[in-house]
Amino acid sequence: MSQRGGQDWLDTELNDLDTGPERKEKHKVKKPLGRRKLATLKKDSEGEADEIIKRLTDLGHITEIVAELKSGKEATAYVARGPRGSILVKLYRELEARSFKNDAIYREGQTILDERARKAMQSRSLKGLAMLQMGWVTAEYAHLWKLWNAGLSVPEPLVGPSPFDYEKTTPAVLMRLIGTEDAPAPRLSDAVLTPTQARSAWEQSLNGMAHLLRLGYVHGDYSTYNLLWQLDSQHADSELQAEEDENDMQHTDMTNTKIQNEEEGTVVIIDFPQLTTRQNPNFAQLLRRDADSLSMSFRRHGIQTSGEATLKEVQKRALGPAPTPRLVLP
């Protein structure tokens, strides 16, 4: 889970996993770029016919797939619609839920009651890989619910909070889309920020890491590659966006760009399967590594702070007030 340079945030090398000819072909769809009209996006007909997508539809979680957002070696992210609005469907591929090569550092301190299960995971048998996949997916749901309820800036999980509910969606994780359907929020690693926005994003990122630490967690891969930048205007319902002809769309885009350049935004933390607790003997090491990764990844935004200074600041802020918990209605 180390910093991955310019790679896709869903893209992790599976160096120790050979799926051979059984690997499924990638869905060939266009990706949403900028503020392109939804009409220009080719729907993922293959994805809609997929067994997992069909199951999610039958369960009533989604009604249609709008487009493929990102595709990596471990998962594909789809923009979908459902009864609760715009949805991000993070669909892990069969037996490829994670790059299992270095996952042991995150699993240390976890209790595996079934000895046969433990041996299967260690041997990387088909059963063991399937169990690992289930573990990573259910962990992401559980962490999302814990952090969302605690008031942290994370995507809202749309299945659960009972494990009985979200185990039915495996190997997919469903959460509320950050941004709009035609303009999903970018990662901070890809966003172009003004100095004022960069400082705001940095402060919010420090607070987010401190909030995790206060709860006894370390992210395990905390950097601008796993932090989204959502402009305040993106909170508006995408269904209210007016239909425009192509010339009006181009003019609007130019106008919006000038306005949004100085617009405030919100940092949203993503990607939680590797989240670990103080029970992990590697906790301090992972915390220090996250501080280093955060400080290094923010240099492209003009923030020059050492990992050591970042760690001290995060530890200081962790002693401060916690965010207001969310009220989750039944």
Protein backbone atom coordinates (compact mmCIF):
# COMPACT_ATOMS: atom_id res chain seq x y z
CA MET A 1 0.00 0.00 0.00
CA SER A 2 2.89 2.32 -0.48
CA GLN A 3 2.68 5.54 -2.45
CA ARG A 4 2.14 4.68 -6.10
CA GLY A 5 3.41 7.68 -8.00
CA GLY A 6 1.15 8.51 -10.90
CA GLN A 7 -0.63 5.18 -11.02
CA ASP A 8 -4.39 4.92 -10.82
CA TRP A 9 -5.61 4.88 -7.23
CA LEU A 10 -7.29 1.54 -7.90
CA ASP A 11 -4.20 0.11 -9.59
CA THR A 12 -1.92 -2.11 -7.50
CA GLU A 13 0.45 -4.65 -9.02
CA LEU A 14 -0.41 -8.28 -8.29
CA ASN A 15 3.14 -9.55 -8.56
CA ASP A 16 2.46 -12.75 -6.66
CA LEU A 17 -0.88 -13.65 -8.20
CA ASP A 18 -1.08 -15.33 -11.61
CA THR A 19 -4.62 -15.33 -12.91
CA GLY A 20 -3.54 -16.39 -16.40
CA PRO A 21 -6.16 -16.82 -19.12
CA GLU A 22 -8.98 -16.80 -16.57
CA ARG A 23 -8.66 -13.04 -16.10
CA LYS A 24 -11.77 -11.31 -17.35
CA GLU A 25 -11.51 -8.85 -20.20
CA LYS A 26 -11.77 -5.18 -19.29
CA HIS A 27 -15.04 -3.50 -20.06
CA LYS A 28 -14.38 -1.21 -22.98
CA VAL A 29 -16.23 1.97 -22.16
CA LYS A 30 -15.44 5.64 -22.29
CA LYS A 31 -14.56 7.32 -19.04
CA PRO A 32 -16.11 10.55 -17.76
CA LEU A 33 -13.68 13.37 -18.42
CA GLY A 34 -14.12 16.87 -17.07
CA ARG A 35 -17.70 18.05 -17.49
CA ARG A 36 -18.69 16.02 -20.54
CA LYS A 37 -22.38 15.48 -21.02
CA LEU A 38 -23.70 12.14 -19.85
CA ALA A 39 -25.03 11.60 -23.37
CA THR A 40 -21.45 11.22 -24.63
CA LEU A 41 -20.69 8.40 -22.21
CA LYS A 42 -21.06 4.91 -23.58
CA LYS A 43 -22.95 2.74 -21.14
CA ASP A 44 -21.21 -0.37 -19.92
CA SER A 45 -23.58 -2.92 -21.40
CA GLU A 46 -21.21 -5.75 -20.54
CA GLY A 47 -21.04 -4.59 -16.95
CA GLU A 48 -24.81 -4.38 -16.67
CA ALA A 49 -25.08 -7.96 -17.84
CA ASP A 50 -22.41 -9.10 -15.42
CA GLU A 51 -23.57 -11.52 -12.74
CA ILE A 52 -22.44 -9.29 -9.87
CA ILE A 53 -24.06 -6.16 -11.32
CA LYS A 54 -27.24 -8.15 -11.87
CA ARG A 55 -27.15 -9.29 -8.25
CA LEU A 56 -26.76 -5.69 -7.05
CA THR A 57 -29.72 -4.75 -9.23
CA ASP A 58 -31.83 -7.63 -7.92
CA LEU A 59 -31.00 -6.58 -4.36
CA GLY A 60 -32.36 -3.13 -5.17
CA HIS A 61 -29.09 -1.25 -4.63
CA ILE A 62 -28.65 0.03 -8.20
CA THR A 63 -30.92 0.62 -11.17
CA GLU A 64 -28.35 1.24 -13.91
CA ILE A 65 -24.66 1.62 -14.66
CA VAL A 66 -23.86 5.09 -16.02
CA ALA A 67 -20.20 4.66 -16.95
CA GLU A 68 -16.89 3.15 -15.99
CA LEU A 69 -14.92 5.65 -13.91
CA LYS A 70 -11.58 3.94 -13.33
CA SER A 71 -10.12 0.53 -13.98
CA GLY A 72 -7.12 -1.05 -12.32
CA LYS A 73 -5.65 -4.48 -11.79
CA GLU A 74 -7.44 -4.94 -8.48
CA ALA A 75 -10.85 -3.38 -9.15
CA THR A 76 -13.02 -1.35 -11.48
CA ALA A 77 -15.03 1.65 -10.29
CA TYR A 78 -18.39 2.35 -11.92
CA VAL A 79 -20.68 5.34 -11.67
CA ALA A 80 -24.17 3.99 -11.10
CA ARG A 81 -27.64 5.15 -10.16
CA GLY A 82 -29.97 3.75 -7.56
CA PRO A 83 -32.84 4.57 -5.22
CA ARG A 84 -30.48 6.75 -3.15
CA GLY A 85 -29.02 8.73 -6.03
CA SER A 86 -25.57 8.60 -7.63
CA ILE A 87 -23.43 5.67 -6.49
CA LEU A 88 -19.82 4.56 -6.81
CA VAL A 89 -19.59 0.81 -7.26
CA LYS A 90 -16.09 -0.42 -6.49
CA LEU A 91 -16.05 -3.88 -8.02
CA TYR A 92 -13.12 -6.06 -7.00
CA ARG A 93 -12.11 -8.67 -9.50
CA GLU A 94 -12.28 -12.35 -8.78
CA LEU A 95 -9.46 -13.37 -6.42
CA GLU A 96 -7.86 -9.97 -6.98
CA ALA A 97 -9.23 -7.90 -4.12
CA ARG A 98 -5.74 -6.82 -3.13
CA SER A 99 -2.11 -7.20 -3.97
CA PHE A 100 -1.51 -9.92 -1.42
CA LYS A 101 2.25 -9.68 -1.51
CA ASN A 102 2.61 -7.29 1.43
CA ASP A 103 -0.77 -7.57 3.14
CA ALA A 104 0.63 -9.34 6.21
CA ILE A 105 1.90 -6.06 7.67
CA TYR A 106 -1.71 -4.84 7.89
CA ARG A 107 -3.20 -8.13 9.15
CA GLU A 108 -0.84 -8.51 12.10
CA GLY A 109 -2.71 -8.25 15.35
CA GLN A 110 -5.92 -9.60 13.82
CA THR A 111 -7.34 -12.80 15.29
CA ILE A 112 -8.22 -15.63 12.92
CA LEU A 113 -10.19 -18.17 14.94
CA ASP A 114 -10.26 -20.93 12.33
CA GLU A 115 -6.86 -22.62 12.02
CA ARG A 116 -7.74 -24.02 8.60
CA ALA A 117 -8.66 -20.54 7.42
CA ARG A 118 -5.34 -19.18 8.65
CA LYS A 119 -3.39 -21.88 6.80
CA ALA A 120 -5.41 -21.35 3.63
CA MET A 121 -4.61 -17.63 3.66
CA GLN A 122 -0.93 -18.27 4.26
CA SER A 123 -0.72 -20.85 1.46
CA ARG A 124 -2.51 -18.52 -1.01
CA SER A 125 -4.72 -21.38 -2.16
CA LEU A 126 -7.85 -20.57 -4.14
CA LYS A 127 -9.87 -20.89 -0.95
CA GLY A 128 -7.39 -18.73 0.92
CA LEU A 129 -7.42 -16.01 -1.75
CA ALA A 130 -11.21 -16.00 -1.76
CA MET A 131 -11.22 -15.63 2.02
CA LEU A 132 -8.72 -12.80 1.80
CA GLN A 133 -10.90 -11.06 -0.76
CA MET A 134 -13.97 -11.39 1.44
CA GLY A 135 -11.95 -10.07 4.37
CA TRP A 136 -10.71 -6.96 2.54
CA VAL A 137 -14.17 -6.13 1.14
CA THR A 138 -16.04 -6.57 4.43
CA ALA A 139 -13.28 -4.63 6.20
CA GLU A 140 -13.76 -1.69 3.84
CA TYR A 141 -17.48 -1.62 4.59
CA ALA A 142 -16.94 -1.92 8.34
CA HIS A 143 -14.33 0.85 8.37
CA LEU A 144 -16.51 3.13 6.23
CA TRP A 145 -19.41 2.74 8.64
CA LYS A 146 -17.24 3.33 11.69
CA LEU A 147 -15.65 6.47 10.25
CA TRP A 148 -18.86 7.82 8.72
CA ASN A 149 -20.74 7.48 12.00
CA ALA A 150 -17.84 9.16 13.82
CA GLY A 151 -18.23 12.23 11.61
CA LEU A 152 -15.10 11.89 9.47
CA SER A 153 -14.98 13.13 5.88
CA VAL A 154 -15.39 9.80 4.06
CA PRO A 155 -17.82 8.54 1.40
CA GLU A 156 -21.16 7.47 2.85
CA PRO A 157 -21.51 3.66 2.73
CA LEU A 158 -24.78 2.68 1.08
CA VAL A 159 -25.07 -0.92 2.29
CA GLY A 160 -25.17 -2.00 5.93
CA PRO A 161 -24.32 -1.35 8.69
CA SER A 162 -25.06 -5.01 9.36
CA PRO A 163 -22.39 -7.38 7.93
CA PHE A 164 -25.29 -9.62 6.92
CA ASP A 165 -26.31 -6.95 4.40
CA TYR A 166 -22.98 -5.99 2.90
CA GLU A 167 -21.63 -9.52 2.63
CA LYS A 168 -24.33 -10.04 -0.01
CA THR A 169 -22.68 -7.43 -2.24
CA THR A 170 -19.20 -9.03 -2.19
CA PRO A 171 -16.99 -8.51 -4.17
CA ALA A 172 -18.43 -5.00 -4.59
CA VAL A 173 -18.42 -2.03 -2.22
CA LEU A 174 -21.16 0.57 -2.72
CA MET A 175 -20.76 4.14 -1.51
CA ARG A 176 -22.14 7.55 -2.39
CA LEU A 177 -20.40 9.13 -5.38
CA ILE A 178 -18.20 12.08 -4.44
CA GLY A 179 -18.78 14.85 -6.98
CA THR A 180 -21.31 14.56 -9.78
CA GLU A 181 -21.92 11.93 -12.43
CA ASP A 182 -20.31 14.01 -15.17
CA ALA A 183 -17.59 15.46 -12.92
CA PRO A 184 -16.51 13.03 -10.19
CA ALA A 185 -14.24 14.58 -7.57
CA PRO A 186 -10.55 14.16 -8.53
CA ARG A 187 -7.82 12.86 -6.30
CA LEU A 188 -5.70 15.59 -4.73
CA SER A 189 -2.78 14.11 -6.64
CA ASP A 190 -4.53 15.11 -9.88
CA ALA A 191 -6.22 18.34 -8.79
CA VAL A 192 -4.89 21.77 -9.75
CA LEU A 193 -5.13 23.99 -6.67
CA THR A 194 -4.54 27.65 -5.98
CA PRO A 195 -2.20 28.42 -3.04
CA THR A 196 -5.23 29.14 -0.86
CA GLN A 197 -6.88 25.87 -1.82
CA ALA A 198 -3.63 23.96 -1.28
CA ARG A 199 -3.30 25.31 2.25
CA SER A 200 -6.92 24.44 3.00
CA ALA A 201 -6.48 20.93 1.60
CA TRP A 202 -3.31 20.45 3.67
CA GLU A 203 -5.02 21.54 6.89
CA GLN A 204 -8.00 19.28 6.21
CA SER A 205 -5.69 16.36 5.43
CA LEU A 206 -3.82 16.82 8.71
CA ASN A 207 -7.13 16.92 10.57
CA GLY A 208 -8.33 13.79 8.80
CA MET A 209 -5.22 11.85 9.78
CA ALA A 210 -5.52 13.16 13.34
CA HIS A 211 -9.17 12.08 13.54
CA LEU A 212 -8.15 8.57 12.47
CA LEU A 213 -5.42 8.49 15.10
CA ARG A 214 -7.83 9.69 17.79
CA LEU A 215 -10.02 6.67 17.01
CA GLY A 216 -6.99 4.38 17.27
CA TYR A 217 -6.54 3.91 13.52
CA VAL A 218 -3.82 4.39 10.96
CA HIS A 219 -4.84 4.53 7.29
CA GLY A 220 -1.88 2.62 5.89
CA ASP A 221 -1.75 4.50 2.57
CA TYR A 222 -2.45 8.13 3.47
CA SER A 223 -1.41 10.51 0.71
CA THR A 224 -2.93 12.70 -1.98
CA TYR A 225 -3.54 9.53 -4.01
CA ASN A 226 -6.22 8.47 -1.52
CA LEU A 227 -7.69 11.91 -0.82
CA LEU A 228 -10.39 13.41 -3.04
CA TRP A 229 -10.95 17.12 -3.61
CA GLN A 230 -14.66 17.96 -3.79
CA LEU A 231 -15.53 21.51 -4.76
CA ASP A 232 -18.41 22.96 -2.78
CA SER A 233 -20.41 23.37 -6.00
CA GLN A 234 -20.27 19.60 -6.51
CA HIS A 235 -22.57 19.09 -3.53
CA ALA A 236 -25.45 20.24 -5.74
CA ASP A 237 -27.66 17.55 -7.19
CA SER A 238 -26.42 16.67 -10.68
CA GLU A 239 -30.02 16.23 -11.84
CA LEU A 240 -30.48 19.99 -11.55
CA GLN A 241 -27.80 20.68 -14.16
CA ALA A 242 -29.41 22.24 -17.23
CA GLU A 243 -29.29 20.61 -20.64
CA GLU A 244 -27.18 22.73 -22.98
CA ASP A 245 -26.14 22.52 -26.61
CA GLU A 246 -22.46 21.95 -27.41
CA ASN A 247 -21.58 25.63 -27.86
CA ASP A 248 -23.27 26.66 -24.62
CA MET A 249 -21.51 23.79 -22.84
CA GLN A 250 -18.10 25.01 -23.98
CA HIS A 251 -18.87 28.57 -22.91
CA THR A 252 -20.19 27.38 -19.53
CA ASP A 253 -17.09 25.27 -18.95
CA MET A 254 -14.81 28.29 -19.50
CA THR A 255 -16.90 30.41 -17.13
CA ASN A 256 -17.10 27.72 -14.47
CA THR A 257 -13.34 27.18 -14.59
CA LYS A 258 -12.68 30.81 -13.66
CA ILE A 259 -15.17 30.64 -10.80
CA GLN A 260 -14.06 27.26 -9.45
CA ASN A 261 -10.38 28.21 -9.43
CA GLU A 262 -10.99 30.16 -6.21
CA GLU A 263 -13.75 27.94 -4.87
CA GLU A 264 -13.41 26.23 -1.52
CA GLY A 265 -13.37 22.46 -1.40
CA THR A 266 -13.55 19.52 0.97
CA VAL A 267 -11.00 16.73 1.36
CA VAL A 268 -12.58 13.27 1.41
CA ILE A 269 -10.58 10.24 2.57
CA ILE A 270 -10.93 7.02 0.54
CA ASP A 271 -9.58 3.45 0.34
CA PHE A 272 -9.84 1.74 3.74
CA PRO A 273 -9.25 -2.03 3.44
CA GLN A 274 -5.72 -1.66 4.85
CA LEU A 275 -6.84 0.47 7.81
CA THR A 276 -5.29 -0.99 10.96
CA THR A 277 -5.54 -0.51 14.73
CA ARG A 278 -3.21 -0.14 17.67
CA GLN A 279 -3.34 -3.91 18.15
CA ASN A 280 -1.08 -4.17 15.12
CA PRO A 281 2.59 -4.21 16.25
CA ASN A 282 3.42 -2.27 13.07
CA PHE A 283 1.08 0.59 14.03
CA ALA A 284 3.81 3.15 14.80
CA GLN A 285 5.72 2.24 11.64
CA LEU A 286 2.62 2.63 9.47
CA LEU A 287 1.72 5.92 11.14
CA ARG A 288 5.18 7.32 10.48
CA ARG A 289 5.04 6.11 6.89
CA ASP A 290 1.66 7.80 6.36
CA ALA A 291 3.10 11.08 7.66
CA ASP A 292 6.02 10.78 5.24
CA SER A 293 3.72 9.93 2.32
CA LEU A 294 1.37 12.82 3.05
CA SER A 295 4.14 15.40 3.30
CA MET A 296 5.90 14.17 0.15
CA SER A 297 2.74 14.00 -1.94
CA PHE A 298 1.75 17.57 -1.02
CA ARG A 299 5.00 19.03 -2.36
CA ARG A 300 3.46 19.31 -5.83
CA HIS A 301 0.97 21.74 -4.28
CA GLY A 302 3.72 23.90 -2.81
CA ILE A 303 3.51 22.57 0.76
CA GLN A 304 7.03 21.97 2.08
CA THR A 305 6.88 20.09 5.39
CA SER A 306 8.95 17.14 6.61
CA GLY A 307 7.42 13.82 7.55
CA GLU A 308 8.67 14.25 11.11
CA ALA A 309 7.01 17.65 11.48
CA THR A 310 3.83 16.26 9.94
CA LEU A 311 3.75 13.38 12.41
CA LYS A 312 4.20 15.69 15.39
CA GLU A 313 1.43 17.99 14.17
CA VAL A 314 -0.95 15.07 13.63
CA GLN A 315 -0.23 13.70 17.11
CA LYS A 316 -0.87 17.15 18.57
CA ARG A 317 -4.18 17.55 16.73
CA ALA A 318 -5.28 14.06 17.78
CA LEU A 319 -5.48 15.40 21.35
CA GLY A 320 -7.96 18.06 20.25
CA PRO A 321 -11.74 17.94 19.79
CA ALA A 322 -13.31 15.20 17.69
CA PRO A 323 -15.69 15.89 14.79
CA THR A 324 -19.42 15.85 15.50
CA PRO A 325 -20.81 12.30 15.11
CA ARG A 326 -23.44 11.82 12.42
CA LEU A 327 -27.00 10.91 13.29
CA VAL A 328 -27.81 7.78 11.31
CA LEU A 329 -31.54 7.30 10.86
CA PRO A 330 -32.96 3.76 10.70
